[in-house]
């Protein structure tokens, strides 16, 4: 085998391995259900493959969905170990970012809400797999 064929074989093997690794991590980033809350429980978000739901708990402790968006209206960007979901509710842009679904972090995971005028509020999230 000459050096050109060896290089082609090595490059092909490397590309296949990287493709398998990236597919495995991309799919793992959005599988299952992830539940996230802001610091004082003002907002609770349930994220799964089919929709993103914003929940609220009333004074009696009963939780209800106040807004639910199906996956068709949610833009999902998967990263190496996490994801960012962008959706619009009542004209406000909501961006939910989870950096690593295997290692949730209040420093790296956040909810960002931007008004039509460009005012942005960012909330750290406490997340877990449900």
C-alpha atoms as a PDB file:
ATOM      1  CA  UNK A   1       0.000   0.000   0.000  1.00  0.00           C
ATOM      2  CA  UNK A   2       1.534   3.318  -0.998  1.00  0.00           C
ATOM      3  CA  UNK A   3       1.485   6.424   1.221  1.00  0.00           C
ATOM      4  CA  UNK A   4      -1.408   8.045  -0.675  1.00  0.00           C
ATOM      5  CA  UNK A   5      -3.681   5.029  -0.098  1.00  0.00           C
ATOM      6  CA  UNK A   6      -2.640   4.860   3.570  1.00  0.00           C
ATOM      7  CA  UNK A   7      -3.528   8.537   3.988  1.00  0.00           C
ATOM      8  CA  UNK A   8      -6.912   8.055   2.317  1.00  0.00           C
ATOM      9  CA  UNK A   9      -7.669   5.020   4.492  1.00  0.00           C
ATOM     10  CA  UNK A  10      -6.648   6.857   7.670  1.00  0.00           C
ATOM     11  CA  UNK A  11      -8.711   9.926   6.744  1.00  0.00           C
ATOM     12  CA  UNK A  12     -11.786   7.804   5.970  1.00  0.00           C
ATOM     13  CA  UNK A  13     -11.481   5.902   9.267  1.00  0.00           C
ATOM     14  CA  UNK A  14     -11.072   9.165  11.185  1.00  0.00           C
ATOM     15  CA  UNK A  15     -14.149  10.690   9.478  1.00  0.00           C
ATOM     16  CA  UNK A  16     -16.275   7.618  10.293  1.00  0.00           C
ATOM     17  CA  UNK A  17     -15.210   7.639  13.970  1.00  0.00           C
ATOM     18  CA  UNK A  18     -15.893  11.381  14.331  1.00  0.00           C
ATOM     19  CA  UNK A  19     -19.285  10.995  12.668  1.00  0.00           C
ATOM     20  CA  UNK A  20     -20.314   8.209  15.030  1.00  0.00           C
ATOM     21  CA  UNK A  21     -19.112  10.161  18.083  1.00  0.00           C
ATOM     22  CA  UNK A  22     -20.923  13.360  17.065  1.00  0.00           C
ATOM     23  CA  UNK A  23     -24.175  11.538  16.259  1.00  0.00           C
ATOM     24  CA  UNK A  24     -24.156   9.778  19.619  1.00  0.00           C
ATOM     25  CA  UNK A  25     -23.636  12.995  21.543  1.00  0.00           C
ATOM     26  CA  UNK A  26     -26.142  15.024  19.519  1.00  0.00           C
ATOM     27  CA  UNK A  27     -28.898  12.492  20.055  1.00  0.00           C
ATOM     28  CA  UNK A  28     -28.098  12.120  23.753  1.00  0.00           C
ATOM     29  CA  UNK A  29     -28.407  15.876  24.232  1.00  0.00           C
ATOM     30  CA  UNK A  30     -32.162  15.978  23.589  1.00  0.00           C
ATOM     31  CA  UNK A  31     -33.393  12.504  24.631  1.00  0.00           C
ATOM     32  CA  UNK A  32     -35.691  12.106  27.614  1.00  0.00           C
ATOM     33  CA  UNK A  33     -37.311  14.855  29.633  1.00  0.00           C
ATOM     34  CA  UNK A  34     -35.408  17.697  31.265  1.00  0.00           C
ATOM     35  CA  UNK A  35     -37.073  19.851  33.936  1.00  0.00           C
ATOM     36  CA  UNK A  36     -35.554  23.234  34.764  1.00  0.00           C
ATOM     37  CA  UNK A  37     -36.491  25.899  37.332  1.00  0.00           C
ATOM     38  CA  UNK A  38     -35.310  29.444  37.905  1.00  0.00           C
ATOM     39  CA  UNK A  39     -33.713  30.284  41.255  1.00  0.00           C
ATOM     40  CA  UNK A  40     -36.919  31.010  43.196  1.00  0.00           C
ATOM     41  CA  UNK A  41     -39.180  28.719  41.176  1.00  0.00           C
ATOM     42  CA  UNK A  42     -40.743  31.662  39.315  1.00  0.00           C
ATOM     43  CA  UNK A  43     -40.521  29.735  36.077  1.00  0.00           C
ATOM     44  CA  UNK A  44     -40.469  25.995  35.485  1.00  0.00           C
ATOM     45  CA  UNK A  45     -39.748  24.512  32.079  1.00  0.00           C
ATOM     46  CA  UNK A  46     -40.294  20.931  30.919  1.00  0.00           C
ATOM     47  CA  UNK A  47     -38.380  19.999  27.774  1.00  0.00           C
ATOM     48  CA  UNK A  48     -38.760  16.786  25.808  1.00  0.00           C
ATOM     49  CA  UNK A  49     -38.563  15.663  22.202  1.00  0.00           C
ATOM     50  CA  UNK A  50     -42.084  16.748  21.279  1.00  0.00           C
ATOM     51  CA  UNK A  51     -42.544  20.076  23.095  1.00  0.00           C
ATOM     52  CA  UNK A  52     -41.341  22.729  25.526  1.00  0.00           C
ATOM     53  CA  UNK A  53     -43.799  23.575  28.317  1.00  0.00           C
ATOM     54  CA  UNK A  54     -43.727  26.445  30.796  1.00  0.00           C
ATOM     55  CA  UNK A  55     -45.407  25.442  34.060  1.00  0.00           C
ATOM     56  CA  UNK A  56     -46.613  27.373  37.089  1.00  0.00           C
ATOM     57  CA  UNK A  57     -47.492  26.160  40.572  1.00  0.00           C
ATOM     58  CA  UNK A  58     -50.394  27.861  42.349  1.00  0.00           C
ATOM     59  CA  UNK A  59     -50.654  28.536  46.097  1.00  0.00           C
ATOM     60  CA  UNK A  60     -52.193  25.112  46.752  1.00  0.00           C
ATOM     61  CA  UNK A  61     -49.220  23.357  45.130  1.00  0.00           C
ATOM     62  CA  UNK A  62     -51.008  22.328  41.936  1.00  0.00           C
ATOM     63  CA  UNK A  63     -48.861  22.614  38.816  1.00  0.00           C
ATOM     64  CA  UNK A  64     -50.362  23.495  35.456  1.00  0.00           C
ATOM     65  CA  UNK A  65     -49.037  24.187  31.984  1.00  0.00           C
ATOM     66  CA  UNK A  66     -49.346  27.870  31.186  1.00  0.00           C
ATOM     67  CA  UNK A  67     -47.744  27.618  27.774  1.00  0.00           C
ATOM     68  CA  UNK A  68     -46.779  24.666  25.611  1.00  0.00           C
ATOM     69  CA  UNK A  69     -45.031  24.874  22.261  1.00  0.00           C
ATOM     70  CA  UNK A  70     -44.673  21.847  19.992  1.00  0.00           C
ATOM     71  CA  UNK A  71     -41.321  20.973  18.456  1.00  0.00           C
ATOM     72  CA  UNK A  72     -42.297  22.372  15.024  1.00  0.00           C
ATOM     73  CA  UNK A  73     -42.267  25.940  16.410  1.00  0.00           C
ATOM     74  CA  UNK A  74     -39.093  25.469  18.478  1.00  0.00           C
ATOM     75  CA  UNK A  75     -35.669  25.980  16.940  1.00  0.00           C
ATOM     76  CA  UNK A  76     -33.271  23.467  18.466  1.00  0.00           C
ATOM     77  CA  UNK A  77     -29.522  23.734  18.228  1.00  0.00           C
ATOM     78  CA  UNK A  78     -27.627  20.762  19.633  1.00  0.00           C
ATOM     79  CA  UNK A  79     -24.093  21.186  20.875  1.00  0.00           C
ATOM     80  CA  UNK A  80     -21.572  18.540  21.834  1.00  0.00           C
ATOM     81  CA  UNK A  81     -23.265  17.617  25.129  1.00  0.00           C
ATOM     82  CA  UNK A  82     -26.185  20.029  25.419  1.00  0.00           C
ATOM     83  CA  UNK A  83     -28.715  22.087  23.508  1.00  0.00           C
ATOM     84  CA  UNK A  84     -30.269  25.500  23.012  1.00  0.00           C
ATOM     85  CA  UNK A  85     -33.983  25.827  22.294  1.00  0.00           C
ATOM     86  CA  UNK A  86     -35.368  29.109  20.954  1.00  0.00           C
ATOM     87  CA  UNK A  87     -39.080  29.865  20.877  1.00  0.00           C
ATOM     88  CA  UNK A  88     -41.439  32.844  20.882  1.00  0.00           C
ATOM     89  CA  UNK A  89     -44.257  33.293  23.416  1.00  0.00           C
ATOM     90  CA  UNK A  90     -46.428  36.439  23.381  1.00  0.00           C
ATOM     91  CA  UNK A  91     -43.898  38.226  21.158  1.00  0.00           C
ATOM     92  CA  UNK A  92     -41.030  37.521  23.580  1.00  0.00           C
ATOM     93  CA  UNK A  93     -38.022  35.478  22.511  1.00  0.00           C
ATOM     94  CA  UNK A  94     -37.261  32.688  25.006  1.00  0.00           C
ATOM     95  CA  UNK A  95     -33.918  30.911  24.784  1.00  0.00           C
ATOM     96  CA  UNK A  96     -33.312  27.878  27.005  1.00  0.00           C
ATOM     97  CA  UNK A  97     -29.674  26.804  27.079  1.00  0.00           C
ATOM     98  CA  UNK A  98     -28.488  23.595  28.748  1.00  0.00           C
ATOM     99  CA  UNK A  99     -24.743  23.223  28.338  1.00  0.00           C
ATOM    100  CA  UNK A 100     -24.332  19.552  29.330  1.00  0.00           C
ATOM    101  CA  UNK A 101     -27.234  17.166  29.985  1.00  0.00           C
ATOM    102  CA  UNK A 102     -24.896  14.794  31.805  1.00  0.00           C
ATOM    103  CA  UNK A 103     -23.676  17.480  34.198  1.00  0.00           C
ATOM    104  CA  UNK A 104     -26.227  20.239  34.837  1.00  0.00           C
ATOM    105  CA  UNK A 105     -24.819  23.548  36.092  1.00  0.00           C
ATOM    106  CA  UNK A 106     -26.476  26.713  37.411  1.00  0.00           C
ATOM    107  CA  UNK A 107     -23.517  28.627  35.978  1.00  0.00           C
ATOM    108  CA  UNK A 108     -23.801  27.256  32.418  1.00  0.00           C
ATOM    109  CA  UNK A 109     -27.568  26.601  32.101  1.00  0.00           C
ATOM    110  CA  UNK A 110     -29.884  29.582  31.662  1.00  0.00           C
ATOM    111  CA  UNK A 111     -33.173  30.987  30.398  1.00  0.00           C
ATOM    112  CA  UNK A 112     -32.927  34.228  28.449  1.00  0.00           C
ATOM    113  CA  UNK A 113     -36.069  36.255  27.661  1.00  0.00           C
ATOM    114  CA  UNK A 114     -35.809  39.133  25.185  1.00  0.00           C
ATOM    115  CA  UNK A 115     -38.620  41.647  24.645  1.00  0.00           C
ATOM    116  CA  UNK A 116     -39.487  43.003  21.184  1.00  0.00           C
ATOM    117  CA  UNK A 117     -37.650  46.221  22.169  1.00  0.00           C
ATOM    118  CA  UNK A 118     -34.467  44.249  22.889  1.00  0.00           C
ATOM    119  CA  UNK A 119     -34.558  44.232  26.704  1.00  0.00           C
ATOM    120  CA  UNK A 120     -33.107  40.964  27.938  1.00  0.00           C
ATOM    121  CA  UNK A 121     -33.487  39.156  31.269  1.00  0.00           C
ATOM    122  CA  UNK A 122     -31.331  36.117  31.993  1.00  0.00           C
ATOM    123  CA  UNK A 123     -32.152  33.582  34.707  1.00  0.00           C
ATOM    124  CA  UNK A 124     -29.840  30.785  35.902  1.00  0.00           C
ATOM    125  CA  UNK A 125     -31.529  27.397  35.747  1.00  0.00           C
ATOM    126  CA  UNK A 126     -31.459  24.394  38.041  1.00  0.00           C
ATOM    127  CA  UNK A 127     -32.140  21.369  35.851  1.00  0.00           C
ATOM    128  CA  UNK A 128     -32.541  17.615  36.243  1.00  0.00           C
ATOM    129  CA  UNK A 129     -33.626  14.624  34.187  1.00  0.00           C
ATOM    130  CA  UNK A 130     -37.221  13.629  34.934  1.00  0.00           C
END
